Amino acid sequence: MASTSTFPGAGDGLIGQVKNAARTISSDNRSLLLDFRKAVGMMKEIAVELEKQNQTDMVKEVENTVTELLDEYENCVDFSSLIQSIEANYQPGPELTNFKKLFDEELAKIKGSRSSNPQSQQLLRQFREAVWNVHHAGQPMPGEEQADIVMTSTQGNILNITCPLTGKPVTQLAEPVRSLTCKHIYEKSAIMNYIRRKTSPCICPSSGCPKVLQSDRVVSDHLLLVEIEELRSSAVEAAVAEVIEDFTYVAEDSSHLTDG
């Protein structure tokens, strides 16, 4: 294969192909991440029921399985970061790109800069907290302070459910982005216009947030769309449950009238 510099415009075509492939892979990987999280949620519900029955050994087995699952989940998160980075930054050089080397180097950077409290640890913490609360609701888990319990219990992955600029629910945003500084979510076009218009330090438009925004730190991170889809799914499930409850009430009421 000729190098990308051999044919005029070949580099642009290659960039387009790489970006298209990256977008396709990212979409597939988001679905996989969502499936991981759903599986952990289901296993959490199972563990809670087992804990209610005082099946301690079985709860521990479920927790071990969740831990193994979350290890793979974290690898999947790293892969998402890798694909997102390639899509955003790939530029062909005069020589053919060694994609394996590129991937290995980029993945090493991602793993090296991984948060000390990655998403998998938060999910495992939520699993353990749900089990603990079966018999010890409101009490700190062993080795933790009460403040830690409160913070973790109330902290969600989605910090705001509506865009502070457009007022739209985050589940309806065309291009949701999140600040890496304060974690608030916005419609991309609205927040970028907001940042451009500011001549002084740009404070987050979310009420009460004092953080300063920078355009290069307001991004569509690899977990944002997964978390929004998770929020959307939970809203649908809640609506379905409410409809079922309403029908059940109507059926019971009709039964009482018939009996009368």
C-alpha atoms as a PDB file:
ATOM      1  CA  MET A   1       0.000   0.000   0.000  1.00  0.00           C
ATOM      2  CA  ALA A   2       1.325   3.457  -0.867  1.00  0.00           C
ATOM      3  CA  SER A   3       1.943   5.992   1.870  1.00  0.00           C
ATOM      4  CA  THR A   4      -0.696   8.629   2.470  1.00  0.00           C
ATOM      5  CA  SER A   5       1.563  11.311   0.996  1.00  0.00           C
ATOM      6  CA  THR A   6       1.708   9.606  -2.408  1.00  0.00           C
ATOM      7  CA  PHE A   7      -1.746  10.671  -3.557  1.00  0.00           C
ATOM      8  CA  PRO A   8      -3.102  14.187  -3.027  1.00  0.00           C
ATOM      9  CA  GLY A   9      -6.147  14.098  -0.795  1.00  0.00           C
ATOM     10  CA  ALA A  10      -5.528  10.489   0.238  1.00  0.00           C
ATOM     11  CA  GLY A  11      -4.836  11.602   3.811  1.00  0.00           C
ATOM     12  CA  ASP A  12      -8.214  13.302   4.087  1.00  0.00           C
ATOM     13  CA  GLY A  13      -9.949  10.183   2.807  1.00  0.00           C
ATOM     14  CA  LEU A  14      -8.107   8.013   5.308  1.00  0.00           C
ATOM     15  CA  ILE A  15      -8.974  10.354   8.170  1.00  0.00           C
ATOM     16  CA  GLY A  16     -12.631  10.130   7.199  1.00  0.00           C
ATOM     17  CA  GLN A  17     -12.506   6.331   7.071  1.00  0.00           C
ATOM     18  CA  VAL A  18     -10.800   6.129  10.468  1.00  0.00           C
ATOM     19  CA  LYS A  19     -13.271   8.530  12.061  1.00  0.00           C
ATOM     20  CA  ASN A  20     -16.263   6.662  10.590  1.00  0.00           C
ATOM     21  CA  ALA A  21     -14.893   3.347  11.828  1.00  0.00           C
ATOM     22  CA  ALA A  22     -14.217   4.857  15.258  1.00  0.00           C
ATOM     23  CA  ARG A  23     -17.769   6.209  15.501  1.00  0.00           C
ATOM     24  CA  THR A  24     -19.210   2.789  14.618  1.00  0.00           C
ATOM     25  CA  ILE A  25     -17.018   1.030  17.178  1.00  0.00           C
ATOM     26  CA  SER A  26     -17.848   3.668  19.812  1.00  0.00           C
ATOM     27  CA  SER A  27     -21.575   3.122  19.270  1.00  0.00           C
ATOM     28  CA  ASP A  28     -21.200  -0.658  19.633  1.00  0.00           C
ATOM     29  CA  ASN A  29     -19.037  -0.224  22.711  1.00  0.00           C
ATOM     30  CA  ARG A  30     -21.573   2.095  24.365  1.00  0.00           C
ATOM     31  CA  SER A  31     -24.167  -0.659  24.037  1.00  0.00           C
ATOM     32  CA  LEU A  32     -21.732  -3.093  25.656  1.00  0.00           C
ATOM     33  CA  LEU A  33     -21.036  -0.688  28.541  1.00  0.00           C
ATOM     34  CA  LEU A  34     -24.763  -0.269  29.088  1.00  0.00           C
ATOM     35  CA  ASP A  35     -25.208  -4.055  29.168  1.00  0.00           C
ATOM     36  CA  PHE A  36     -22.413  -4.308  31.752  1.00  0.00           C
ATOM     37  CA  ARG A  37     -24.143  -1.773  33.983  1.00  0.00           C
ATOM     38  CA  LYS A  38     -27.531  -3.439  33.583  1.00  0.00           C
ATOM     39  CA  ALA A  39     -25.983  -6.779  34.552  1.00  0.00           C
ATOM     40  CA  VAL A  40     -24.415  -5.255  37.665  1.00  0.00           C
ATOM     41  CA  GLY A  41     -27.770  -3.689  38.552  1.00  0.00           C
ATOM     42  CA  MET A  42     -29.554  -7.031  38.230  1.00  0.00           C
ATOM     43  CA  MET A  43     -26.913  -8.762  40.336  1.00  0.00           C
ATOM     44  CA  LYS A  44     -27.265  -6.043  42.968  1.00  0.00           C
ATOM     45  CA  GLU A  45     -30.998  -6.760  43.189  1.00  0.00           C
ATOM     46  CA  ILE A  46     -30.283 -10.497  43.510  1.00  0.00           C
ATOM     47  CA  ALA A  47     -27.718  -9.871  46.265  1.00  0.00           C
ATOM     48  CA  VAL A  48     -30.159  -7.667  48.177  1.00  0.00           C
ATOM     49  CA  GLU A  49     -32.813 -10.401  48.108  1.00  0.00           C
ATOM     50  CA  LEU A  50     -30.254 -12.985  49.251  1.00  0.00           C
ATOM     51  CA  GLU A  51     -29.143 -10.676  52.066  1.00  0.00           C
ATOM     52  CA  LYS A  52     -32.766 -10.351  53.213  1.00  0.00           C
ATOM     53  CA  GLN A  53     -32.760 -14.138  53.536  1.00  0.00           C
ATOM     54  CA  ASN A  54     -29.402 -14.018  55.392  1.00  0.00           C
ATOM     55  CA  GLN A  55     -27.723 -16.049  52.627  1.00  0.00           C
ATOM     56  CA  THR A  56     -24.314 -14.528  53.391  1.00  0.00           C
ATOM     57  CA  ASP A  57     -22.197 -17.044  51.474  1.00  0.00           C
ATOM     58  CA  MET A  58     -24.285 -16.636  48.330  1.00  0.00           C
ATOM     59  CA  VAL A  59     -24.132 -12.841  48.624  1.00  0.00           C
ATOM     60  CA  LYS A  60     -20.337 -13.093  48.726  1.00  0.00           C
ATOM     61  CA  GLU A  61     -20.345 -15.277  45.614  1.00  0.00           C
ATOM     62  CA  VAL A  62     -22.456 -12.696  43.787  1.00  0.00           C
ATOM     63  CA  GLU A  63     -20.089  -9.923  44.926  1.00  0.00           C
ATOM     64  CA  ASN A  64     -17.072 -11.864  43.624  1.00  0.00           C
ATOM     65  CA  THR A  65     -18.790 -12.259  40.265  1.00  0.00           C
ATOM     66  CA  VAL A  66     -19.609  -8.535  40.199  1.00  0.00           C
ATOM     67  CA  THR A  67     -15.956  -7.715  40.937  1.00  0.00           C
ATOM     68  CA  GLU A  68     -14.801  -9.855  38.002  1.00  0.00           C
ATOM     69  CA  LEU A  69     -17.448  -8.288  35.764  1.00  0.00           C
ATOM     70  CA  LEU A  70     -16.362  -4.778  36.754  1.00  0.00           C
ATOM     71  CA  ASP A  71     -12.734  -5.573  35.925  1.00  0.00           C
ATOM     72  CA  GLU A  72     -13.861  -6.306  32.365  1.00  0.00           C
ATOM     73  CA  TYR A  73     -16.101  -3.230  32.445  1.00  0.00           C
ATOM     74  CA  GLU A  74     -13.075  -1.046  33.280  1.00  0.00           C
ATOM     75  CA  ASN A  75     -11.166  -2.542  30.336  1.00  0.00           C
ATOM     76  CA  CYS A  76     -14.148  -1.690  28.149  1.00  0.00           C
ATOM     77  CA  VAL A  77     -14.139   1.883  29.482  1.00  0.00           C
ATOM     78  CA  ASP A  78     -10.440   2.182  28.623  1.00  0.00           C
ATOM     79  CA  PHE A  79     -11.183   0.899  25.125  1.00  0.00           C
ATOM     80  CA  SER A  80     -13.900   3.543  24.752  1.00  0.00           C
ATOM     81  CA  SER A  81     -11.400   6.227  25.750  1.00  0.00           C
ATOM     82  CA  LEU A  82      -8.936   4.833  23.233  1.00  0.00           C
ATOM     83  CA  ILE A  83     -11.417   4.917  20.353  1.00  0.00           C
ATOM     84  CA  GLN A  84     -12.584   8.408  21.302  1.00  0.00           C
ATOM     85  CA  SER A  85      -8.986   9.642  21.339  1.00  0.00           C
ATOM     86  CA  ILE A  86      -8.227   8.088  17.945  1.00  0.00           C
ATOM     87  CA  GLU A  87     -11.362   9.622  16.447  1.00  0.00           C
ATOM     88  CA  ALA A  88     -10.485  13.086  17.787  1.00  0.00           C
ATOM     89  CA  ASN A  89      -6.742  13.177  17.190  1.00  0.00           C
ATOM     90  CA  TYR A  90      -5.738  10.810  14.385  1.00  0.00           C
ATOM     91  CA  GLN A  91      -3.653  12.394  11.647  1.00  0.00           C
ATOM     92  CA  PRO A  92      -1.824  10.263   9.038  1.00  0.00           C
ATOM     93  CA  GLY A  93       1.872  10.888   8.563  1.00  0.00           C
ATOM     94  CA  PRO A  94       4.102  10.424   5.521  1.00  0.00           C
ATOM     95  CA  GLU A  95       4.537   6.752   6.379  1.00  0.00           C
ATOM     96  CA  LEU A  96       1.874   4.088   6.791  1.00  0.00           C
ATOM     97  CA  THR A  97       0.347   4.158  10.250  1.00  0.00           C
ATOM     98  CA  ASN A  98       1.190   1.274  12.538  1.00  0.00           C
ATOM     99  CA  PHE A  99      -2.215   1.134  14.199  1.00  0.00           C
ATOM    100  CA  LYS A 100      -1.234  -1.597  16.667  1.00  0.00           C
ATOM    101  CA  LYS A 101       1.613   0.538  17.964  1.00  0.00           C
ATOM    102  CA  LEU A 102      -0.644   3.596  18.014  1.00  0.00           C
ATOM    103  CA  PHE A 103      -3.322   1.723  19.985  1.00  0.00           C
ATOM    104  CA  ASP A 104      -0.812   0.223  22.445  1.00  0.00           C
ATOM    105  CA  GLU A 105       0.800   3.597  23.158  1.00  0.00           C
ATOM    106  CA  GLU A 106      -2.515   5.408  23.535  1.00  0.00           C
ATOM    107  CA  LEU A 107      -3.933   2.661  25.780  1.00  0.00           C
ATOM    108  CA  ALA A 108      -0.849   2.840  28.014  1.00  0.00           C
ATOM    109  CA  LYS A 109      -1.423   6.604  28.416  1.00  0.00           C
ATOM    110  CA  ILE A 110      -5.086   6.049  29.278  1.00  0.00           C
ATOM    111  CA  LYS A 111      -4.332   3.400  31.873  1.00  0.00           C
ATOM    112  CA  GLY A 112      -1.563   5.582  33.318  1.00  0.00           C
ATOM    113  CA  SER A 113      -3.891   8.546  33.763  1.00  0.00           C
ATOM    114  CA  ARG A 114      -6.849   6.492  35.033  1.00  0.00           C
ATOM    115  CA  SER A 115      -8.649   7.983  38.028  1.00  0.00           C
ATOM    116  CA  SER A 116      -7.778   6.616  41.469  1.00  0.00           C
ATOM    117  CA  ASN A 117     -11.537   6.114  41.903  1.00  0.00           C
ATOM    118  CA  PRO A 118     -12.635   4.696  38.530  1.00  0.00           C
ATOM    119  CA  GLN A 119     -16.234   4.125  37.534  1.00  0.00           C
ATOM    120  CA  SER A 120     -16.001   0.410  38.370  1.00  0.00           C
ATOM    121  CA  GLN A 121     -15.092   1.196  41.983  1.00  0.00           C
ATOM    122  CA  GLN A 122     -18.094   3.498  42.289  1.00  0.00           C
ATOM    123  CA  LEU A 123     -20.385   0.768  40.957  1.00  0.00           C
ATOM    124  CA  LEU A 124     -18.879  -1.784  43.359  1.00  0.00           C
ATOM    125  CA  ARG A 125     -19.332   0.699  46.220  1.00  0.00           C
ATOM    126  CA  GLN A 126     -23.005   1.110  45.296  1.00  0.00           C
ATOM    127  CA  PHE A 127     -23.426  -2.684  45.189  1.00  0.00           C
ATOM    128  CA  ARG A 128     -21.935  -3.120  48.660  1.00  0.00           C
ATOM    129  CA  GLU A 129     -23.932  -0.215  50.044  1.00  0.00           C
ATOM    130  CA  ALA A 130     -27.226  -1.696  48.785  1.00  0.00           C
ATOM    131  CA  VAL A 131     -26.427  -5.003  50.494  1.00  0.00           C
ATOM    132  CA  TRP A 132     -25.282  -3.284  53.691  1.00  0.00           C
ATOM    133  CA  ASN A 133     -28.450  -1.193  53.895  1.00  0.00           C
ATOM    134  CA  VAL A 134     -30.651  -4.300  54.072  1.00  0.00           C
ATOM    135  CA  HIS A 135     -29.810  -4.712  57.776  1.00  0.00           C
ATOM    136  CA  HIS A 136     -27.867  -1.513  58.563  1.00  0.00           C
ATOM    137  CA  ALA A 137     -29.674   1.347  56.797  1.00  0.00           C
ATOM    138  CA  GLY A 138     -28.300   4.739  57.846  1.00  0.00           C
ATOM    139  CA  GLN A 139     -25.206   3.253  59.477  1.00  0.00           C
ATOM    140  CA  PRO A 140     -21.677   3.685  58.099  1.00  0.00           C
ATOM    141  CA  MET A 141     -20.142   0.621  56.532  1.00  0.00           C
ATOM    142  CA  PRO A 142     -17.091  -0.783  58.368  1.00  0.00           C
ATOM    143  CA  GLY A 143     -14.124   1.567  58.039  1.00  0.00           C
ATOM    144  CA  GLU A 144     -16.192   4.500  56.767  1.00  0.00           C
ATOM    145  CA  GLU A 145     -17.484   7.698  58.306  1.00  0.00           C
ATOM    146  CA  GLN A 146     -21.131   8.774  58.195  1.00  0.00           C
ATOM    147  CA  ALA A 147     -20.209  11.645  55.863  1.00  0.00           C
ATOM    148  CA  ASP A 148     -18.817   9.157  53.348  1.00  0.00           C
ATOM    149  CA  ILE A 149     -22.095   7.203  53.374  1.00  0.00           C
ATOM    150  CA  VAL A 150     -24.190  10.305  52.792  1.00  0.00           C
ATOM    151  CA  MET A 151     -21.957  11.536  49.979  1.00  0.00           C
ATOM    152  CA  THR A 152     -21.985   8.228  48.150  1.00  0.00           C
ATOM    153  CA  SER A 153     -25.692   7.614  48.644  1.00  0.00           C
ATOM    154  CA  THR A 154     -26.709  10.940  47.175  1.00  0.00           C
ATOM    155  CA  GLN A 155     -24.080  11.176  44.443  1.00  0.00           C
ATOM    156  CA  GLY A 156     -25.294  10.214  40.990  1.00  0.00           C
ATOM    157  CA  ASN A 157     -23.438   9.948  37.728  1.00  0.00           C
ATOM    158  CA  ILE A 158     -25.813  12.495  36.166  1.00  0.00           C
ATOM    159  CA  LEU A 159     -25.333  15.699  38.150  1.00  0.00           C
ATOM    160  CA  ASN A 160     -28.097  17.738  36.483  1.00  0.00           C
ATOM    161  CA  ILE A 161     -31.140  16.350  34.692  1.00  0.00           C
ATOM    162  CA  THR A 162     -31.794  19.487  32.618  1.00  0.00           C
ATOM    163  CA  CYS A 163     -29.459  21.739  30.650  1.00  0.00           C
ATOM    164  CA  PRO A 164     -29.071  25.011  32.625  1.00  0.00           C
ATOM    165  CA  LEU A 165     -29.052  27.013  29.373  1.00  0.00           C
ATOM    166  CA  THR A 166     -31.815  25.451  27.268  1.00  0.00           C
ATOM    167  CA  GLY A 167     -33.939  23.945  30.030  1.00  0.00           C
ATOM    168  CA  LYS A 168     -34.208  20.699  28.063  1.00  0.00           C
ATOM    169  CA  PRO A 169     -33.921  17.358  29.886  1.00  0.00           C
ATOM    170  CA  VAL A 170     -30.490  15.839  29.322  1.00  0.00           C
ATOM    171  CA  THR A 171     -32.214  12.820  27.766  1.00  0.00           C
ATOM    172  CA  GLN A 172     -33.452  15.095  24.957  1.00  0.00           C
ATOM    173  CA  LEU A 173     -30.221  16.968  24.167  1.00  0.00           C
ATOM    174  CA  ALA A 174     -29.024  16.698  20.554  1.00  0.00           C
ATOM    175  CA  GLU A 175     -25.301  16.855  21.500  1.00  0.00           C
ATOM    176  CA  PRO A 176     -24.834  16.487  25.251  1.00  0.00           C
ATOM    177  CA  VAL A 177     -21.464  17.477  26.668  1.00  0.00           C
ATOM    178  CA  ARG A 178     -20.106  17.508  30.215  1.00  0.00           C
ATOM    179  CA  SER A 179     -17.668  19.776  32.002  1.00  0.00           C
ATOM    180  CA  LEU A 180     -14.612  17.885  33.200  1.00  0.00           C
ATOM    181  CA  THR A 181     -14.290  20.493  35.947  1.00  0.00           C
ATOM    182  CA  CYS A 182     -17.720  20.510  37.605  1.00  0.00           C
ATOM    183  CA  LYS A 183     -19.446  17.561  35.837  1.00  0.00           C
ATOM    184  CA  HIS A 184     -22.516  19.584  34.783  1.00  0.00           C
ATOM    185  CA  ILE A 185     -24.127  18.625  31.464  1.00  0.00           C
ATOM    186  CA  TYR A 186     -25.163  21.006  28.683  1.00  0.00           C
ATOM    187  CA  GLU A 187     -26.313  21.159  25.085  1.00  0.00           C
ATOM    188  CA  LYS A 188     -23.070  21.555  23.137  1.00  0.00           C
ATOM    189  CA  SER A 189     -24.119  24.456  20.892  1.00  0.00           C
ATOM    190  CA  ALA A 190     -25.613  26.401  23.823  1.00  0.00           C
ATOM    191  CA  ILE A 191     -22.616  26.048  26.138  1.00  0.00           C
ATOM    192  CA  MET A 192     -20.067  26.830  23.436  1.00  0.00           C
ATOM    193  CA  ASN A 193     -21.961  30.015  22.512  1.00  0.00           C
ATOM    194  CA  TYR A 194     -22.145  30.871  26.204  1.00  0.00           C
ATOM    195  CA  ILE A 195     -18.379  30.445  26.634  1.00  0.00           C
ATOM    196  CA  ARG A 196     -17.582  32.458  23.475  1.00  0.00           C
ATOM    197  CA  ARG A 197     -19.720  35.408  24.619  1.00  0.00           C
ATOM    198  CA  LYS A 198     -17.947  35.727  27.972  1.00  0.00           C
ATOM    199  CA  THR A 199     -15.023  38.175  28.108  1.00  0.00           C
ATOM    200  CA  SER A 200     -14.293  37.565  31.802  1.00  0.00           C
ATOM    201  CA  PRO A 201     -13.790  34.155  33.447  1.00  0.00           C
ATOM    202  CA  CYS A 202     -16.712  31.999  32.339  1.00  0.00           C
ATOM    203  CA  ILE A 203     -18.576  30.667  35.374  1.00  0.00           C
ATOM    204  CA  CYS A 204     -20.709  27.545  34.964  1.00  0.00           C
ATOM    205  CA  PRO A 205     -24.326  28.596  34.248  1.00  0.00           C
ATOM    206  CA  SER A 206     -25.703  25.954  36.607  1.00  0.00           C
ATOM    207  CA  SER A 207     -27.190  27.717  39.641  1.00  0.00           C
ATOM    208  CA  GLY A 208     -24.758  27.933  42.547  1.00  0.00           C
ATOM    209  CA  CYS A 209     -21.808  26.381  40.682  1.00  0.00           C
ATOM    210  CA  PRO A 210     -18.654  28.537  41.048  1.00  0.00           C
ATOM    211  CA  LYS A 211     -16.465  26.582  38.635  1.00  0.00           C
ATOM    212  CA  VAL A 212     -14.799  28.278  35.682  1.00  0.00           C
ATOM    213  CA  LEU A 213     -15.453  26.678  32.288  1.00  0.00           C
ATOM    214  CA  GLN A 214     -12.966  26.243  29.441  1.00  0.00           C
ATOM    215  CA  SER A 215     -14.117  25.122  26.006  1.00  0.00           C
ATOM    216  CA  ASP A 216     -11.497  22.367  25.764  1.00  0.00           C
ATOM    217  CA  ARG A 217     -12.719  20.899  29.063  1.00  0.00           C
ATOM    218  CA  VAL A 218     -16.373  20.642  28.044  1.00  0.00           C
ATOM    219  CA  VAL A 219     -16.571  17.362  26.159  1.00  0.00           C
ATOM    220  CA  SER A 220     -18.681  14.344  25.287  1.00  0.00           C
ATOM    221  CA  ASP A 221     -16.802  11.908  27.503  1.00  0.00           C
ATOM    222  CA  HIS A 222     -17.110   8.223  26.718  1.00  0.00           C
ATOM    223  CA  LEU A 223     -19.502   7.414  29.573  1.00  0.00           C
ATOM    224  CA  LEU A 224     -21.862  10.368  29.181  1.00  0.00           C
ATOM    225  CA  LEU A 225     -24.043   8.849  26.463  1.00  0.00           C
ATOM    226  CA  VAL A 226     -24.120   5.534  28.341  1.00  0.00           C
ATOM    227  CA  GLU A 227     -25.281   7.272  31.528  1.00  0.00           C
ATOM    228  CA  ILE A 228     -27.908   9.290  29.657  1.00  0.00           C
ATOM    229  CA  GLU A 229     -29.240   6.138  27.991  1.00  0.00           C
ATOM    230  CA  GLU A 230     -29.330   4.494  31.420  1.00  0.00           C
ATOM    231  CA  LEU A 231     -31.313   7.467  32.757  1.00  0.00           C
ATOM    232  CA  ARG A 232     -33.667   7.304  29.773  1.00  0.00           C
ATOM    233  CA  SER A 233     -34.247   3.563  30.308  1.00  0.00           C
ATOM    234  CA  SER A 234     -34.934   3.987  34.017  1.00  0.00           C
ATOM    235  CA  ALA A 235     -37.475   6.735  33.242  1.00  0.00           C
ATOM    236  CA  VAL A 236     -39.275   4.418  30.805  1.00  0.00           C
ATOM    237  CA  GLU A 237     -39.278   1.593  33.351  1.00  0.00           C
ATOM    238  CA  ALA A 238     -40.692   3.915  36.008  1.00  0.00           C
ATOM    239  CA  ALA A 239     -43.431   5.085  33.625  1.00  0.00           C
ATOM    240  CA  VAL A 240     -44.361   1.493  32.743  1.00  0.00           C
ATOM    241  CA  ALA A 241     -44.485   0.562  36.432  1.00  0.00           C
ATOM    242  CA  GLU A 242     -46.770   3.527  37.106  1.00  0.00           C
ATOM    243  CA  VAL A 243     -49.119   2.510  34.291  1.00  0.00           C
ATOM    244  CA  ILE A 244     -49.246  -1.065  35.603  1.00  0.00           C
ATOM    245  CA  GLU A 245     -49.995   0.237  39.091  1.00  0.00           C
ATOM    246  CA  ASP A 246     -52.809   2.423  37.721  1.00  0.00           C
ATOM    247  CA  PHE A 247     -54.351  -0.501  35.843  1.00  0.00           C
ATOM    248  CA  THR A 248     -54.076  -2.674  38.938  1.00  0.00           C
ATOM    249  CA  TYR A 249     -55.874  -0.020  40.983  1.00  0.00           C
ATOM    250  CA  VAL A 250     -58.644   0.295  38.370  1.00  0.00           C
ATOM    251  CA  ALA A 251     -59.053  -3.494  38.211  1.00  0.00           C
ATOM    252  CA  GLU A 252     -59.281  -3.768  41.981  1.00  0.00           C
ATOM    253  CA  ASP A 253     -61.755  -0.888  42.127  1.00  0.00           C
ATOM    254  CA  SER A 254     -63.936  -2.504  39.445  1.00  0.00           C
ATOM    255  CA  SER A 255     -63.823  -5.775  41.329  1.00  0.00           C
ATOM    256  CA  HIS A 256     -65.084  -4.094  44.474  1.00  0.00           C
ATOM    257  CA  LEU A 257     -67.958  -2.478  42.522  1.00  0.00           C
ATOM    258  CA  THR A 258     -68.932  -5.838  41.002  1.00  0.00           C
ATOM    259  CA  ASP A 259     -68.868  -7.518  44.389  1.00  0.00           C
ATOM    260  CA  GLY A 260     -71.072  -4.758  45.791  1.00  0.00           C
END
